[in-house]
N, C-alpha and C. Protein backbone atom coordinates (compact mmCIF):
# COMPACT_ATOMS: atom_id res chain seq x y z
N MET A 1 0.91 -1.21 0.02
CA MET A 1 -0.04 0.02 -0.02
C MET A 1 0.90 1.21 0.02
N SER A 2 0.60 2.18 -0.84
CA SER A 2 1.45 3.42 -0.93
C SER A 2 1.09 4.44 0.16
N CYS A 3 1.95 5.31 0.31
CA CYS A 3 1.77 6.40 1.30
C CYS A 3 0.43 7.19 1.00
N ALA A 4 0.23 7.39 -0.28
CA ALA A 4 -0.99 8.12 -0.67
C ALA A 4 -2.24 7.39 -0.35
N ASP A 5 -2.18 6.08 -0.61
CA ASP A 5 -3.34 5.23 -0.27
C ASP A 5 -3.62 5.19 1.23
N MET A 6 -2.55 5.13 2.05
CA MET A 6 -2.75 5.12 3.50
C MET A 6 -3.27 6.41 3.97
N THR A 7 -2.77 7.50 3.43
CA THR A 7 -3.23 8.86 3.80
C THR A 7 -4.70 8.99 3.43
N MET A 8 -5.08 8.61 2.19
CA MET A 8 -6.58 8.73 1.81
C MET A 8 -7.40 7.85 2.70
N GLY A 9 -6.97 6.63 3.04
CA GLY A 9 -7.68 5.82 3.96
C GLY A 9 -7.89 6.40 5.35
N ALA A 10 -6.81 7.06 5.89
CA ALA A 10 -6.84 7.67 7.18
C ALA A 10 -7.80 8.90 7.07
N PHE A 11 -7.75 9.62 6.03
CA PHE A 11 -8.59 10.78 5.80
C PHE A 11 -10.09 10.33 5.78
N ASP A 12 -10.31 9.30 5.01
CA ASP A 12 -11.77 8.81 4.86
C ASP A 12 -12.28 8.33 6.20
N ALA A 13 -11.41 7.86 7.14
CA ALA A 13 -11.87 7.36 8.41
C ALA A 13 -12.16 8.46 9.43
N LEU A 14 -11.70 9.70 9.10
CA LEU A 14 -11.88 10.81 10.00
C LEU A 14 -13.33 11.21 10.16
N ALA A 15 -13.73 11.55 11.32
CA ALA A 15 -15.02 12.23 11.54
C ALA A 15 -14.86 13.72 11.22
N ALA A 16 -15.91 14.35 10.95
CA ALA A 16 -15.87 15.84 10.66
C ALA A 16 -15.20 16.58 11.78
N GLU A 17 -14.37 17.59 11.43
CA GLU A 17 -13.71 18.48 12.39
C GLU A 17 -12.64 17.71 13.13
N ARG A 18 -12.14 16.57 12.64
CA ARG A 18 -11.01 15.84 13.22
C ARG A 18 -9.82 16.01 12.27
N SER A 19 -8.65 15.64 12.86
CA SER A 19 -7.41 15.78 12.01
C SER A 19 -6.37 14.82 12.46
N PHE A 20 -5.36 14.68 11.65
CA PHE A 20 -4.13 13.89 11.96
C PHE A 20 -3.00 14.55 11.44
N VAL A 21 -1.73 14.24 11.85
CA VAL A 21 -0.54 14.84 11.43
C VAL A 21 0.18 13.82 10.52
N LEU A 22 0.39 14.23 9.27
CA LEU A 22 1.11 13.43 8.26
C LEU A 22 2.60 13.81 8.46
N VAL A 23 3.45 12.79 8.55
CA VAL A 23 4.90 12.95 8.72
C VAL A 23 5.54 12.21 7.52
N ALA A 24 6.44 12.88 6.86
CA ALA A 24 7.13 12.31 5.65
C ALA A 24 8.55 12.68 5.61
N ASP A 25 9.32 11.91 4.90
CA ASP A 25 10.75 12.25 4.69
C ASP A 25 11.03 12.96 3.38
N HIS A 26 9.88 13.38 2.70
CA HIS A 26 9.95 14.05 1.43
C HIS A 26 8.74 15.02 1.39
N ASP A 27 8.72 15.95 0.53
CA ASP A 27 7.66 16.90 0.47
C ASP A 27 6.40 16.18 -0.08
N PRO A 28 5.30 16.18 0.74
CA PRO A 28 4.07 15.42 0.39
C PRO A 28 3.11 16.21 -0.47
N VAL A 29 3.60 17.06 -1.31
CA VAL A 29 2.73 17.98 -2.11
C VAL A 29 1.82 17.19 -2.98
N GLY A 30 2.23 16.09 -3.50
CA GLY A 30 1.35 15.23 -4.30
C GLY A 30 0.07 14.73 -3.53
N ILE A 31 0.28 14.40 -2.28
CA ILE A 31 -0.85 14.00 -1.44
C ILE A 31 -1.79 15.16 -1.20
N ARG A 32 -1.14 16.34 -0.96
CA ARG A 32 -2.05 17.54 -0.83
C ARG A 32 -2.89 17.81 -2.07
N TYR A 33 -2.31 17.73 -3.24
CA TYR A 33 -3.08 17.94 -4.46
C TYR A 33 -4.13 16.84 -4.72
N MET A 34 -3.84 15.62 -4.28
CA MET A 34 -4.79 14.50 -4.43
C MET A 34 -5.98 14.73 -3.61
N LEU A 35 -5.72 15.16 -2.36
CA LEU A 35 -6.84 15.48 -1.43
C LEU A 35 -7.69 16.56 -1.98
N GLN A 36 -7.10 17.67 -2.44
CA GLN A 36 -7.88 18.78 -3.03
C GLN A 36 -8.68 18.32 -4.26
N ALA A 37 -8.13 17.42 -5.04
CA ALA A 37 -8.84 17.00 -6.31
C ALA A 37 -9.91 16.00 -5.98
N GLU A 38 -9.64 15.03 -5.06
CA GLU A 38 -10.56 13.97 -4.85
C GLU A 38 -11.51 14.21 -3.73
N ARG A 39 -11.26 15.15 -2.81
CA ARG A 39 -12.16 15.48 -1.76
C ARG A 39 -12.29 16.99 -1.69
N PRO A 40 -12.75 17.64 -2.79
CA PRO A 40 -12.77 19.09 -2.80
C PRO A 40 -13.78 19.67 -1.76
N GLY A 41 -13.28 20.64 -1.01
CA GLY A 41 -14.14 21.27 0.01
C GLY A 41 -14.29 20.46 1.26
N ALA A 42 -13.68 19.29 1.35
CA ALA A 42 -13.80 18.48 2.55
C ALA A 42 -12.50 18.35 3.34
N SER A 43 -11.46 18.88 2.80
CA SER A 43 -10.17 18.65 3.50
C SER A 43 -9.47 19.99 3.74
N GLY A 44 -8.68 19.96 4.82
CA GLY A 44 -7.84 21.11 5.14
C GLY A 44 -6.39 20.57 5.25
N TRP A 45 -5.45 21.58 5.00
CA TRP A 45 -4.01 21.20 5.02
C TRP A 45 -3.29 22.35 5.70
N GLU A 46 -2.50 22.06 6.75
CA GLU A 46 -1.72 23.12 7.44
C GLU A 46 -0.28 22.60 7.51
N GLU A 47 0.59 23.29 6.88
CA GLU A 47 2.05 22.87 6.99
C GLU A 47 2.51 23.21 8.39
N LEU A 48 3.13 22.26 9.00
CA LEU A 48 3.74 22.39 10.32
C LEU A 48 5.23 22.46 10.24
N GLU A 49 5.87 21.75 9.30
CA GLU A 49 7.35 21.71 9.13
C GLU A 49 7.59 21.34 7.67
N SER A 50 8.48 22.10 7.07
CA SER A 50 8.74 21.85 5.62
C SER A 50 10.24 21.55 5.30
N GLY A 51 10.72 20.47 5.75
CA GLY A 51 12.03 19.99 5.37
C GLY A 51 13.16 20.77 5.96
N PRO A 52 14.39 20.46 5.54
CA PRO A 52 14.72 19.51 4.41
C PRO A 52 14.71 18.09 4.78
N GLU A 53 14.74 17.71 6.04
CA GLU A 53 14.77 16.31 6.44
C GLU A 53 13.40 15.75 6.83
N LEU A 54 12.53 16.56 7.27
CA LEU A 54 11.26 16.09 7.77
C LEU A 54 10.12 17.09 7.34
N TRP A 55 9.08 16.54 6.90
CA TRP A 55 7.88 17.37 6.55
C TRP A 55 6.68 16.86 7.36
N ARG A 56 5.99 17.85 7.95
CA ARG A 56 4.79 17.50 8.76
C ARG A 56 3.64 18.44 8.30
N ALA A 57 2.47 17.87 8.19
CA ALA A 57 1.29 18.62 7.87
C ALA A 57 0.06 18.12 8.56
N ARG A 58 -0.75 19.00 9.11
CA ARG A 58 -1.98 18.69 9.72
C ARG A 58 -3.03 18.48 8.64
N VAL A 59 -3.63 17.38 8.55
CA VAL A 59 -4.66 17.08 7.53
C VAL A 59 -5.95 16.96 8.28
N SER A 60 -7.02 17.76 7.88
CA SER A 60 -8.23 17.73 8.57
C SER A 60 -9.37 17.56 7.65
N ARG A 61 -10.49 16.98 8.26
CA ARG A 61 -11.74 16.82 7.51
C ARG A 61 -12.62 18.00 7.99
N THR A 62 -12.99 18.83 6.95
CA THR A 62 -13.81 19.94 7.27
C THR A 62 -15.24 19.80 7.08
N ALA A 63 -15.66 18.78 6.35
CA ALA A 63 -17.12 18.55 6.04
C ALA A 63 -17.41 17.01 6.13
């Protein structure tokens, strides 16, 4: 299972107004774009740390 698949599964399991922190060793911009495209208006993304060794983002379900 890919990181993107795991992230989408975790997102789909979230209740409204809940979040999790995505931690990656590379820029997860592709996952951000996928959430925006496949779950428009339902997801939030807050960058917490942006490299160069560690990336962290808070992913939330808004609707």
